[in-house]
All heavy atoms as atom14 arrays in JSON, in Angstrom:
{
  "sequence": "TPWLRSLVNDIDLAYLAGYYRIGDYSAVSASLRYFSLG",
  "atom14_mask": [
    [1, 1, 1, 1, 1, 1, 1, 0, 0, 0, 0, 0, 0, 0],
    [1, 1, 1, 1, 1, 1, 1, 0, 0, 0, 0, 0, 0, 0],
    [1, 1, 1, 1, 1, 1, 1, 1, 1, 1, 1, 1, 1, 1],
    [1, 1, 1, 1, 1, 1, 1, 1, 0, 0, 0, 0, 0, 0],
    [1, 1, 1, 1, 1, 1, 1, 1, 1, 1, 1, 0, 0, 0],
    [1, 1, 1, 1, 1, 1, 0, 0, 0, 0, 0, 0, 0, 0],
    [1, 1, 1, 1, 1, 1, 1, 1, 0, 0, 0, 0, 0, 0],
    [1, 1, 1, 1, 1, 1, 1, 0, 0, 0, 0, 0, 0, 0],
    [1, 1, 1, 1, 1, 1, 1, 1, 0, 0, 0, 0, 0, 0],
    [1, 1, 1, 1, 1, 1, 1, 1, 0, 0, 0, 0, 0, 0],
    [1, 1, 1, 1, 1, 1, 1, 1, 0, 0, 0, 0, 0, 0],
    [1, 1, 1, 1, 1, 1, 1, 1, 0, 0, 0, 0, 0, 0],
    [1, 1, 1, 1, 1, 1, 1, 1, 0, 0, 0, 0, 0, 0],
    [1, 1, 1, 1, 1, 0, 0, 0, 0, 0, 0, 0, 0, 0],
    [1, 1, 1, 1, 1, 1, 1, 1, 1, 1, 1, 1, 0, 0],
    [1, 1, 1, 1, 1, 1, 1, 1, 0, 0, 0, 0, 0, 0],
    [1, 1, 1, 1, 1, 0, 0, 0, 0, 0, 0, 0, 0, 0],
    [1, 1, 1, 1, 0, 0, 0, 0, 0, 0, 0, 0, 0, 0],
    [1, 1, 1, 1, 1, 1, 1, 1, 1, 1, 1, 1, 0, 0],
    [1, 1, 1, 1, 1, 1, 1, 1, 1, 1, 1, 1, 0, 0],
    [1, 1, 1, 1, 1, 1, 1, 1, 1, 1, 1, 0, 0, 0],
    [1, 1, 1, 1, 1, 1, 1, 1, 0, 0, 0, 0, 0, 0],
    [1, 1, 1, 1, 0, 0, 0, 0, 0, 0, 0, 0, 0, 0],
    [1, 1, 1, 1, 1, 1, 1, 1, 0, 0, 0, 0, 0, 0],
    [1, 1, 1, 1, 1, 1, 1, 1, 1, 1, 1, 1, 0, 0],
    [1, 1, 1, 1, 1, 1, 0, 0, 0, 0, 0, 0, 0, 0],
    [1, 1, 1, 1, 1, 0, 0, 0, 0, 0, 0, 0, 0, 0],
    [1, 1, 1, 1, 1, 1, 1, 0, 0, 0, 0, 0, 0, 0],
    [1, 1, 1, 1, 1, 1, 0, 0, 0, 0, 0, 0, 0, 0],
    [1, 1, 1, 1, 1, 0, 0, 0, 0, 0, 0, 0, 0, 0],
    [1, 1, 1, 1, 1, 1, 0, 0, 0, 0, 0, 0, 0, 0],
    [1, 1, 1, 1, 1, 1, 1, 1, 0, 0, 0, 0, 0, 0],
    [1, 1, 1, 1, 1, 1, 1, 1, 1, 1, 1, 0, 0, 0],
    [1, 1, 1, 1, 1, 1, 1, 1, 1, 1, 1, 1, 0, 0],
    [1, 1, 1, 1, 1, 1, 1, 1, 1, 1, 1, 0, 0, 0],
    [1, 1, 1, 1, 1, 1, 0, 0, 0, 0, 0, 0, 0, 0],
    [1, 1, 1, 1, 1, 1, 1, 1, 0, 0, 0, 0, 0, 0],
    [1, 1, 1, 1, 0, 0, 0, 0, 0, 0, 0, 0, 0, 0]
  ],
  "atom14_positions": [
    [[-94.53, -71.3, -65.79], [-94.68, -72.66, -65.29], [-95.01, -73.61, -66.43], [-96.09, -73.49, -67.03], [-95.81, -72.75, -64.24], [-95.55, -71.86, -63.17], [-95.94, -74.17, -63.71], [0.0, 0.0, 0.0], [0.0, 0.0, 0.0], [0.0, 0.0, 0.0], [0.0, 0.0, 0.0], [0.0, 0.0, 0.0], [0.0, 0.0, 0.0], [0.0, 0.0, 0.0]],
    [[-94.13, -74.53, -66.78], [-94.5, -75.62, -67.7], [-95.41, -76.59, -66.93], [-94.98, -77.18, -65.95], [-93.16, -76.27, -68.07], [-92.1, -75.35, -67.52], [-92.72, -74.62, -66.38], [0.0, 0.0, 0.0], [0.0, 0.0, 0.0], [0.0, 0.0, 0.0], [0.0, 0.0, 0.0], [0.0, 0.0, 0.0], [0.0, 0.0, 0.0], [0.0, 0.0, 0.0]],
    [[-96.65, -76.75, -67.36], [-97.66, -77.45, -66.57], [-97.89, -78.88, -67.08], [-97.98, -79.11, -68.28], [-98.96, -76.66, -66.58], [-99.97, -77.08, -65.57], [-101.21, -77.58, -65.79], [-99.84, -77.01, -64.14], [-101.86, -77.84, -64.62], [-101.04, -77.5, -63.58], [-98.82, -76.6, -63.29], [-101.25, -77.58, -62.22], [-99.03, -76.69, -61.92], [-100.22, -77.17, -61.4]],
    [[-98.0, -79.82, -66.16], [-98.3, -81.23, -66.46], [-97.31, -81.81, -67.47], [-97.7, -82.51, -68.41], [-99.74, -81.37, -66.98], [-100.86, -80.91, -66.04], [-102.21, -81.14, -66.68], [-100.78, -81.61, -64.69], [0.0, 0.0, 0.0], [0.0, 0.0, 0.0], [0.0, 0.0, 0.0], [0.0, 0.0, 0.0], [0.0, 0.0, 0.0], [0.0, 0.0, 0.0]],
    [[-96.03, -81.55, -67.27], [-95.03, -82.0, -68.22], [-94.91, -83.53, -68.28], [-94.42, -84.09, -69.25], [-93.67, -81.39, -67.88], [-93.48, -80.0, -68.44], [-93.54, -80.01, -69.96], [-93.18, -78.73, -70.54], [-94.03, -77.82, -70.96], [-95.33, -78.06, -70.86], [-93.62, -76.69, -71.49], [0.0, 0.0, 0.0], [0.0, 0.0, 0.0], [0.0, 0.0, 0.0]],
    [[-95.36, -84.23, -67.25], [-95.31, -85.69, -67.29], [-96.37, -86.26, -68.22], [-96.32, -87.45, -68.56], [-95.51, -86.26, -65.88], [-96.78, -85.89, -65.35], [0.0, 0.0, 0.0], [0.0, 0.0, 0.0], [0.0, 0.0, 0.0], [0.0, 0.0, 0.0], [0.0, 0.0, 0.0], [0.0, 0.0, 0.0], [0.0, 0.0, 0.0], [0.0, 0.0, 0.0]],
    [[-97.35, -85.44, -68.63], [-98.4, -85.89, -69.54], [-98.24, -85.32, -70.95], [-98.34, -86.05, -71.93], [-99.78, -85.49, -68.99], [-100.17, -86.07, -67.62], [-101.54, -85.55, -67.22], [-100.16, -87.59, -67.66], [0.0, 0.0, 0.0], [0.0, 0.0, 0.0], [0.0, 0.0, 0.0], [0.0, 0.0, 0.0], [0.0, 0.0, 0.0], [0.0, 0.0, 0.0]],
    [[-98.03, -84.02, -71.05], [-97.9, -83.35, -72.34], [-96.75, -82.34, -72.24], [-96.26, -82.04, -71.16], [-99.21, -82.61, -72.73], [-100.33, -83.6, -73.02], [-99.64, -81.66, -71.63], [0.0, 0.0, 0.0], [0.0, 0.0, 0.0], [0.0, 0.0, 0.0], [0.0, 0.0, 0.0], [0.0, 0.0, 0.0], [0.0, 0.0, 0.0], [0.0, 0.0, 0.0]],
    [[-96.36, -81.81, -73.39], [-95.21, -80.91, -73.39], [-95.54, -79.5, -73.89], [-94.63, -78.73, -74.18], [-94.07, -81.49, -74.25], [-94.5, -81.7, -75.7], [-95.6, -81.34, -76.1], [-93.61, -82.29, -76.47], [0.0, 0.0, 0.0], [0.0, 0.0, 0.0], [0.0, 0.0, 0.0], [0.0, 0.0, 0.0], [0.0, 0.0, 0.0], [0.0, 0.0, 0.0]],
    [[-96.84, -79.16, -73.98], [-97.16, -77.84, -74.51], [-98.23, -77.1, -73.72], [-98.89, -76.19, -74.23], [-97.58, -77.94, -75.98], [-98.78, -78.85, -76.2], [-99.23, -79.48, -75.22], [-99.28, -78.92, -77.34], [0.0, 0.0, 0.0], [0.0, 0.0, 0.0], [0.0, 0.0, 0.0], [0.0, 0.0, 0.0], [0.0, 0.0, 0.0], [0.0, 0.0, 0.0]],
    [[-98.43, -77.46, -72.44], [-99.33, -76.7, -71.56], [-98.47, -75.8, -70.68], [-97.55, -76.28, -70.0], [-100.2, -77.63, -70.7], [-101.12, -78.48, -71.59], [-101.04, -76.83, -69.73], [-102.03, -79.41, -70.82], [0.0, 0.0, 0.0], [0.0, 0.0, 0.0], [0.0, 0.0, 0.0], [0.0, 0.0, 0.0], [0.0, 0.0, 0.0], [0.0, 0.0, 0.0]],
    [[-98.77, -74.51, -70.68], [-97.93, -73.53, -69.97], [-98.79, -72.5, -69.26], [-99.89, -72.17, -69.71], [-96.99, -72.81, -70.95], [-96.21, -73.75, -71.83], [-95.21, -74.32, -71.34], [-96.61, -73.93, -72.99], [0.0, 0.0, 0.0], [0.0, 0.0, 0.0], [0.0, 0.0, 0.0], [0.0, 0.0, 0.0], [0.0, 0.0, 0.0], [0.0, 0.0, 0.0]],
    [[-98.25, -71.98, -68.17], [-98.86, -70.86, -67.46], [-97.86, -69.71, -67.4], [-96.74, -69.88, -66.91], [-99.26, -71.26, -66.04], [-99.74, -70.13, -65.13], [-101.04, -69.52, -65.65], [-99.92, -70.61, -63.69], [0.0, 0.0, 0.0], [0.0, 0.0, 0.0], [0.0, 0.0, 0.0], [0.0, 0.0, 0.0], [0.0, 0.0, 0.0], [0.0, 0.0, 0.0]],
    [[-98.27, -68.54, -67.91], [-97.46, -67.33, -67.84], [-98.19, -66.31, -66.98], [-99.41, -66.16, -67.09], [-97.2, -66.77, -69.23], [0.0, 0.0, 0.0], [0.0, 0.0, 0.0], [0.0, 0.0, 0.0], [0.0, 0.0, 0.0], [0.0, 0.0, 0.0], [0.0, 0.0, 0.0], [0.0, 0.0, 0.0], [0.0, 0.0, 0.0], [0.0, 0.0, 0.0]],
    [[-97.45, -65.62, -66.12], [-98.06, -64.7, -65.17], [-97.18, -63.47, -65.03], [-95.99, -63.57, -64.71], [-98.24, -65.39, -63.81], [-99.0, -64.6, -62.78], [-100.38, -64.43, -62.87], [-98.34, -64.03, -61.69], [-101.08, -63.71, -61.91], [-99.04, -63.32, -60.71], [-100.41, -63.17, -60.84], [-101.1, -62.46, -59.89], [0.0, 0.0, 0.0], [0.0, 0.0, 0.0]],
    [[-97.77, -62.32, -65.29], [-97.08, -61.03, -65.17], [-97.74, -60.23, -64.06], [-98.96, -60.04, -64.07], [-97.15, -60.27, -66.49], [-96.62, -58.84, -66.5], [-95.11, -58.81, -66.26], [-96.95, -58.15, -67.83], [0.0, 0.0, 0.0], [0.0, 0.0, 0.0], [0.0, 0.0, 0.0], [0.0, 0.0, 0.0], [0.0, 0.0, 0.0], [0.0, 0.0, 0.0]],
    [[-96.96, -59.77, -63.09], [-97.51, -59.02, -61.96], [-96.62, -57.81, -61.66], [-95.4, -57.85, -61.88], [-97.63, -59.9, -60.72], [0.0, 0.0, 0.0], [0.0, 0.0, 0.0], [0.0, 0.0, 0.0], [0.0, 0.0, 0.0], [0.0, 0.0, 0.0], [0.0, 0.0, 0.0], [0.0, 0.0, 0.0], [0.0, 0.0, 0.0], [0.0, 0.0, 0.0]],
    [[-97.24, -56.76, -61.14], [-96.48, -55.58, -60.78], [-97.26, -54.7, -59.82], [-98.48, -54.84, -59.67], [0.0, 0.0, 0.0], [0.0, 0.0, 0.0], [0.0, 0.0, 0.0], [0.0, 0.0, 0.0], [0.0, 0.0, 0.0], [0.0, 0.0, 0.0], [0.0, 0.0, 0.0], [0.0, 0.0, 0.0], [0.0, 0.0, 0.0], [0.0, 0.0, 0.0]],
    [[-96.56, -53.79, -59.16], [-97.2, -52.89, -58.21], [-96.46, -51.55, -58.17], [-95.3, -51.43, -58.61], [-97.22, -53.51, -56.81], [-95.87, -53.47, -56.11], [-95.52, -52.44, -55.24], [-94.92, -54.48, -56.34], [-94.28, -52.4, -54.62], [-93.69, -54.45, -55.73], [-93.37, -53.4, -54.87], [-92.13, -53.36, -54.27], [0.0, 0.0, 0.0], [0.0, 0.0, 0.0]],
    [[-97.14, -50.55, -57.62], [-96.53, -49.23, -57.4], [-97.11, -48.66, -56.11], [-98.34, -48.55, -55.97], [-96.82, -48.31, -58.57], [-96.26, -46.91, -58.38], [-94.9, -46.65, -58.58], [-97.08, -45.86, -57.96], [-94.38, -45.39, -58.39], [-96.57, -44.59, -57.76], [-95.21, -44.36, -57.97], [-94.69, -43.09, -57.77], [0.0, 0.0, 0.0], [0.0, 0.0, 0.0]],
    [[-96.25, -48.31, -55.19], [-96.7, -47.71, -53.92], [-96.96, -46.23, -54.1], [-96.14, -45.49, -54.65], [-95.66, -47.92, -52.82], [-95.79, -49.25, -52.12], [-95.16, -49.27, -50.74], [-93.73, -49.04, -50.76], [-93.14, -47.98, -50.22], [-93.86, -47.04, -49.64], [-91.83, -47.86, -50.28], [0.0, 0.0, 0.0], [0.0, 0.0, 0.0], [0.0, 0.0, 0.0]],
    [[-98.13, -45.81, -53.64], [-98.52, -44.39, -53.69], [-98.27, -43.8, -52.31], [-99.0, -44.09, -51.36], [-100.0, -44.23, -54.09], [-100.27, -44.96, -55.41], [-100.37, -42.77, -54.19], [-101.74, -45.03, -55.76], [0.0, 0.0, 0.0], [0.0, 0.0, 0.0], [0.0, 0.0, 0.0], [0.0, 0.0, 0.0], [0.0, 0.0, 0.0], [0.0, 0.0, 0.0]],
    [[-97.26, -42.97, -52.19], [-96.92, -42.45, -50.88], [-96.44, -43.57, -49.97], [-95.8, -44.52, -50.4], [0.0, 0.0, 0.0], [0.0, 0.0, 0.0], [0.0, 0.0, 0.0], [0.0, 0.0, 0.0], [0.0, 0.0, 0.0], [0.0, 0.0, 0.0], [0.0, 0.0, 0.0], [0.0, 0.0, 0.0], [0.0, 0.0, 0.0], [0.0, 0.0, 0.0]],
    [[-96.76, -43.46, -48.69], [-96.29, -44.44, -47.71], [-97.38, -45.39, -47.23], [-97.09, -46.32, -46.47], [-95.71, -43.72, -46.49], [-94.46, -42.91, -46.83], [-93.72, -43.35, -47.73], [-94.25, -41.84, -46.21], [0.0, 0.0, 0.0], [0.0, 0.0, 0.0], [0.0, 0.0, 0.0], [0.0, 0.0, 0.0], [0.0, 0.0, 0.0], [0.0, 0.0, 0.0]],
    [[-98.62, -45.17, -47.66], [-99.72, -45.92, -47.05], [-100.61, -46.67, -48.03], [-101.55, -47.35, -47.59], [-100.59, -44.97, -46.21], [-99.82, -44.22, -45.16], [-99.5, -42.87, -45.33], [-99.38, -44.86, -44.01], [-98.78, -42.18, -44.37], [-98.65, -44.18, -43.04], [-98.35, -42.84, -43.23], [-97.63, -42.16, -42.28], [0.0, 0.0, 0.0], [0.0, 0.0, 0.0]],
    [[-100.38, -46.59, -49.31], [-101.26, -47.29, -50.26], [-100.47, -47.73, -51.48], [-99.33, -47.31, -51.69], [-102.43, -46.39, -50.68], [-101.96, -45.23, -51.34], [0.0, 0.0, 0.0], [0.0, 0.0, 0.0], [0.0, 0.0, 0.0], [0.0, 0.0, 0.0], [0.0, 0.0, 0.0], [0.0, 0.0, 0.0], [0.0, 0.0, 0.0], [0.0, 0.0, 0.0]],
    [[-101.1, -48.59, -52.27], [-100.43, -49.11, -53.47], [-101.49, -49.53, -54.49], [-102.62, -49.9, -54.14], [-99.53, -50.28, -53.12], [0.0, 0.0, 0.0], [0.0, 0.0, 0.0], [0.0, 0.0, 0.0], [0.0, 0.0, 0.0], [0.0, 0.0, 0.0], [0.0, 0.0, 0.0], [0.0, 0.0, 0.0], [0.0, 0.0, 0.0], [0.0, 0.0, 0.0]],
    [[-101.11, -49.48, -55.76], [-101.92, -50.06, -56.83], [-101.12, -51.21, -57.43], [-99.88, -51.17, -57.47], [-102.27, -49.02, -57.91], [-103.24, -47.98, -57.37], [-101.02, -48.36, -58.46], [0.0, 0.0, 0.0], [0.0, 0.0, 0.0], [0.0, 0.0, 0.0], [0.0, 0.0, 0.0], [0.0, 0.0, 0.0], [0.0, 0.0, 0.0], [0.0, 0.0, 0.0]],
    [[-101.81, -52.22, -57.89], [-101.15, -53.4, -58.43], [-102.01, -54.01, -59.52], [-103.21, -53.74, -59.61], [-100.88, -54.42, -57.32], [-102.07, -54.7, -56.6], [0.0, 0.0, 0.0], [0.0, 0.0, 0.0], [0.0, 0.0, 0.0], [0.0, 0.0, 0.0], [0.0, 0.0, 0.0], [0.0, 0.0, 0.0], [0.0, 0.0, 0.0], [0.0, 0.0, 0.0]],
    [[-101.4, -54.84, -60.34], [-102.12, -55.49, -61.43], [-101.41, -56.77, -61.82], [-100.22, -56.96, -61.53], [-102.22, -54.56, -62.64], [0.0, 0.0, 0.0], [0.0, 0.0, 0.0], [0.0, 0.0, 0.0], [0.0, 0.0, 0.0], [0.0, 0.0, 0.0], [0.0, 0.0, 0.0], [0.0, 0.0, 0.0], [0.0, 0.0, 0.0], [0.0, 0.0, 0.0]],
    [[-102.15, -57.66, -62.49], [-101.53, -58.89, -62.98], [-102.28, -59.38, -64.21], [-103.47, -59.09, -64.41], [-101.52, -59.99, -61.91], [-102.82, -60.5, -61.69], [0.0, 0.0, 0.0], [0.0, 0.0, 0.0], [0.0, 0.0, 0.0], [0.0, 0.0, 0.0], [0.0, 0.0, 0.0], [0.0, 0.0, 0.0], [0.0, 0.0, 0.0], [0.0, 0.0, 0.0]],
    [[-101.56, -60.1, -65.05], [-102.11, -60.72, -66.26], [-101.71, -62.19, -66.24], [-100.53, -62.52, -66.13], [-101.56, -60.03, -67.51], [-101.92, -60.67, -68.86], [-103.43, -60.59, -69.11], [-101.15, -59.99, -69.99], [0.0, 0.0, 0.0], [0.0, 0.0, 0.0], [0.0, 0.0, 0.0], [0.0, 0.0, 0.0], [0.0, 0.0, 0.0], [0.0, 0.0, 0.0]],
    [[-102.7, -63.06, -66.35], [-102.48, -64.5, -66.33], [-102.92, -65.09, -67.68], [-104.01, -64.8, -68.17], [-103.27, -65.14, -65.2], [-103.27, -66.66, -65.18], [-104.25, -67.18, -64.13], [-103.74, -66.92, -62.79], [-103.23, -67.85, -61.99], [-103.15, -69.1, -62.39], [-102.81, -67.54, -60.79], [0.0, 0.0, 0.0], [0.0, 0.0, 0.0], [0.0, 0.0, 0.0]],
    [[-102.04, -65.93, -68.26], [-102.38, -66.6, -69.52], [-102.03, -68.07, -69.4], [-100.88, -68.44, -69.16], [-101.6, -65.97, -70.69], [-102.0, -66.52, -72.04], [-103.08, -65.98, -72.73], [-101.31, -67.58, -72.61], [-103.45, -66.48, -73.97], [-101.67, -68.1, -73.84], [-102.75, -67.55, -74.52], [-103.13, -68.05, -75.75], [0.0, 0.0, 0.0], [0.0, 0.0, 0.0]],
    [[-103.05, -68.91, -69.56], [-102.89, -70.36, -69.43], [-103.19, -71.0, -70.78], [-104.33, -70.99, -71.25], [-103.84, -70.89, -68.36], [-103.72, -72.37, -68.11], [-102.58, -72.9, -67.52], [-104.75, -73.24, -68.45], [-102.46, -74.26, -67.28], [-104.65, -74.6, -68.2], [-103.5, -75.11, -67.62], [0.0, 0.0, 0.0], [0.0, 0.0, 0.0], [0.0, 0.0, 0.0]],
    [[-102.16, -71.55, -71.41], [-102.31, -72.17, -72.73], [-102.41, -73.69, -72.58], [-101.59, -74.3, -71.91], [-101.11, -71.82, -73.62], [-101.12, -72.6, -74.8], [0.0, 0.0, 0.0], [0.0, 0.0, 0.0], [0.0, 0.0, 0.0], [0.0, 0.0, 0.0], [0.0, 0.0, 0.0], [0.0, 0.0, 0.0], [0.0, 0.0, 0.0], [0.0, 0.0, 0.0]],
    [[-103.42, -74.27, -73.21], [-103.59, -75.72, -73.19], [-102.93, -76.4, -74.37], [-103.2, -77.56, -74.67], [-105.09, -76.08, -73.15], [-105.74, -76.0, -71.77], [-106.11, -74.55, -71.45], [-106.97, -76.88, -71.67], [0.0, 0.0, 0.0], [0.0, 0.0, 0.0], [0.0, 0.0, 0.0], [0.0, 0.0, 0.0], [0.0, 0.0, 0.0], [0.0, 0.0, 0.0]],
    [[-102.06, -75.67, -75.07], [-101.31, -76.25, -76.17], [-102.15, -76.45, -77.42], [-103.22, -75.85, -77.59], [0.0, 0.0, 0.0], [0.0, 0.0, 0.0], [0.0, 0.0, 0.0], [0.0, 0.0, 0.0], [0.0, 0.0, 0.0], [0.0, 0.0, 0.0], [0.0, 0.0, 0.0], [0.0, 0.0, 0.0], [0.0, 0.0, 0.0], [0.0, 0.0, 0.0]]
  ]
}
């Protein structure tokens, strides 16, 4: 996500997410969020 582009041009949000189902009834998941203020 390029953030607040009407104000500045170097603020960005990057988000990585993933999951894995264990059998038929459960899952593990994780995510990494990085927000740069330029």
